[in-house]
Structures are given as structure tokens and as C-alpha cells.
Amino acid sequence: MKLLKILGIIVGLLVVSAGGAWAAFVRAPSEAELCSHLETLMDKKMPGFAATPPGKQFKESCPKKVAKGDLEGAVPYAKRAKCVMAAESLEAVESCDR
């Protein structure tokens, strides 16, 4: 019985550790969060951009552009997405693709 308790604790710790690792390394911001942040940065650089036709077109096409690519792994995508969310300028966003 004591062995089952110890095994249960070990399995529980592994599950919690795996969840923490996923949240820290693999979980990426949503496409909506990325697009909202990019819109904010664009509006900061070009005030009123969101209300213009190119701004509306950007809003429509953004989710497809920021989505994870077919050949891109989950961890590289999460790293890139987190870099974009941390960027405070469009120039900083450009450096995320490198």
C-alpha cells in the first residue's frame, strides 16, 4: 500500500512538471492576442491605421499570417509568438523572425 502511495506521488509530480513545462515553453499566445498586439503597434506607429481600408484588410488577414506554419514546430512557434508579444515596436517584431 505504501508503494502505491509513493508511486501516486511520483506520477502526480510528473504530471504537474509536464504541465508547467508546457505552459513555460510550448503554450503560445492565441492568434487573436497576437493580432491585437500587432494592431496596437501599427496604430502606435501610424495613428488611425486601424480605421483605414489597409488597417481593416490587415485585421482580416492577420490570423492566417500569424498562425503556426505546417512545417513549424510548436516550440519554435511559441518562441516566435512570445517574442512578438514582448516587442514594443514594429522593428522589434521584425527581429522575431530571425
Protein backbone atom coordinates (compact mmCIF):
# COMPACT_ATOMS: atom_id res chain seq x y z
CA MET A 1 0.00 0.00 0.00
CA LYS A 2 2.83 2.36 0.86
CA LEU A 3 4.42 1.65 -2.54
CA LEU A 4 1.20 2.70 -4.32
CA LYS A 5 1.15 5.97 -2.38
CA ILE A 6 4.75 6.73 -3.35
CA LEU A 7 4.05 5.80 -6.98
CA GLY A 8 0.98 8.05 -6.97
CA ILE A 9 3.00 10.96 -5.63
CA ILE A 10 5.71 10.43 -8.26
CA VAL A 11 3.15 10.27 -11.08
CA GLY A 12 1.42 13.36 -9.73
CA LEU A 13 4.69 15.30 -9.62
CA LEU A 14 5.48 14.24 -13.19
CA VAL A 15 2.10 15.45 -14.40
CA VAL A 16 2.48 18.80 -12.64
CA SER A 17 6.02 19.19 -14.01
CA ALA A 18 4.89 18.38 -17.54
CA GLY A 19 2.09 20.93 -17.27
CA GLY A 20 4.50 23.57 -16.03
CA ALA A 21 6.95 22.84 -18.84
CA TRP A 22 4.15 23.05 -21.41
CA ALA A 23 2.99 26.39 -20.04
CA ALA A 24 6.51 27.79 -19.97
CA PHE A 25 7.87 26.54 -23.29
CA VAL A 26 5.12 25.37 -25.64
CA ARG A 27 1.99 27.39 -24.91
CA ALA A 28 1.86 30.27 -27.35
CA PRO A 29 -0.38 33.33 -27.21
CA SER A 30 -3.55 32.98 -29.28
CA GLU A 31 -3.79 34.35 -32.81
CA ALA A 32 -6.30 36.94 -31.54
CA GLU A 33 -3.82 38.13 -28.89
CA LEU A 34 -1.02 38.36 -31.44
CA CYS A 35 -3.17 40.28 -33.93
CA SER A 36 -4.43 42.65 -31.25
CA HIS A 37 -0.87 43.40 -30.16
CA LEU A 38 0.28 43.93 -33.76
CA GLU A 39 -2.66 46.28 -34.40
CA THR A 40 -1.69 48.28 -31.31
CA LEU A 41 1.90 48.55 -32.52
CA MET A 42 0.80 49.60 -36.01
CA ASP A 43 -1.61 52.17 -34.62
CA LYS A 44 1.17 53.48 -32.39
CA LYS A 45 3.45 53.98 -35.40
CA MET A 46 0.71 55.18 -37.77
CA PRO A 47 -2.14 56.73 -35.72
CA GLY A 48 -5.55 55.94 -37.16
CA PHE A 49 -4.27 52.95 -39.15
CA ALA A 50 -6.96 50.61 -37.81
CA ALA A 51 -9.73 52.78 -39.30
CA THR A 52 -8.24 52.86 -42.81
CA PRO A 53 -9.02 50.26 -45.52
CA PRO A 54 -5.49 48.77 -45.27
CA GLY A 55 -5.98 48.54 -41.49
CA LYS A 56 -9.25 46.67 -41.93
CA GLN A 57 -7.64 44.37 -44.51
CA PHE A 58 -4.78 43.71 -42.08
CA LYS A 59 -7.29 42.83 -39.35
CA GLU A 60 -8.99 40.29 -41.63
CA SER A 61 -5.79 38.65 -42.89
CA CYS A 62 -3.78 38.76 -39.66
CA PRO A 63 -4.95 35.46 -38.07
CA LYS A 64 -3.82 33.49 -41.13
CA LYS A 65 -0.48 35.30 -41.22
CA VAL A 66 0.38 34.71 -37.56
CA ALA A 67 -0.84 31.10 -37.43
CA LYS A 68 1.63 28.28 -36.92
CA GLY A 69 3.02 27.08 -40.22
CA ASP A 70 2.65 23.47 -41.35
CA LEU A 71 6.39 22.88 -41.12
CA GLU A 72 6.93 24.91 -37.95
CA GLY A 73 7.22 23.06 -34.66
CA ALA A 74 5.24 24.01 -31.57
CA VAL A 75 8.25 25.19 -29.58
CA PRO A 76 9.73 27.45 -32.34
CA TYR A 77 6.26 28.88 -32.97
CA ALA A 78 5.73 29.59 -29.27
CA LYS A 79 9.15 31.23 -29.06
CA ARG A 80 8.35 33.47 -32.05
CA ALA A 81 4.87 34.32 -30.77
CA LYS A 82 6.18 35.22 -27.31
CA CYS A 83 8.85 37.40 -28.95
CA VAL A 84 6.14 39.25 -30.89
CA MET A 85 4.10 39.80 -27.73
CA ALA A 86 7.17 41.17 -25.93
CA ALA A 87 8.03 43.55 -28.78
CA GLU A 88 7.32 47.21 -28.17
CA SER A 89 7.82 48.36 -31.77
CA LEU A 90 7.35 47.02 -35.29
CA GLU A 91 11.11 46.98 -35.70
CA ALA A 92 11.39 44.66 -32.72
CA VAL A 93 8.73 42.39 -34.26
CA GLU A 94 10.86 42.04 -37.39
CA SER A 95 13.72 40.66 -35.31
CA CYS A 96 11.43 37.84 -34.05
CA ASP A 97 11.51 36.08 -37.43
CA ARG A 98 15.26 35.58 -37.30
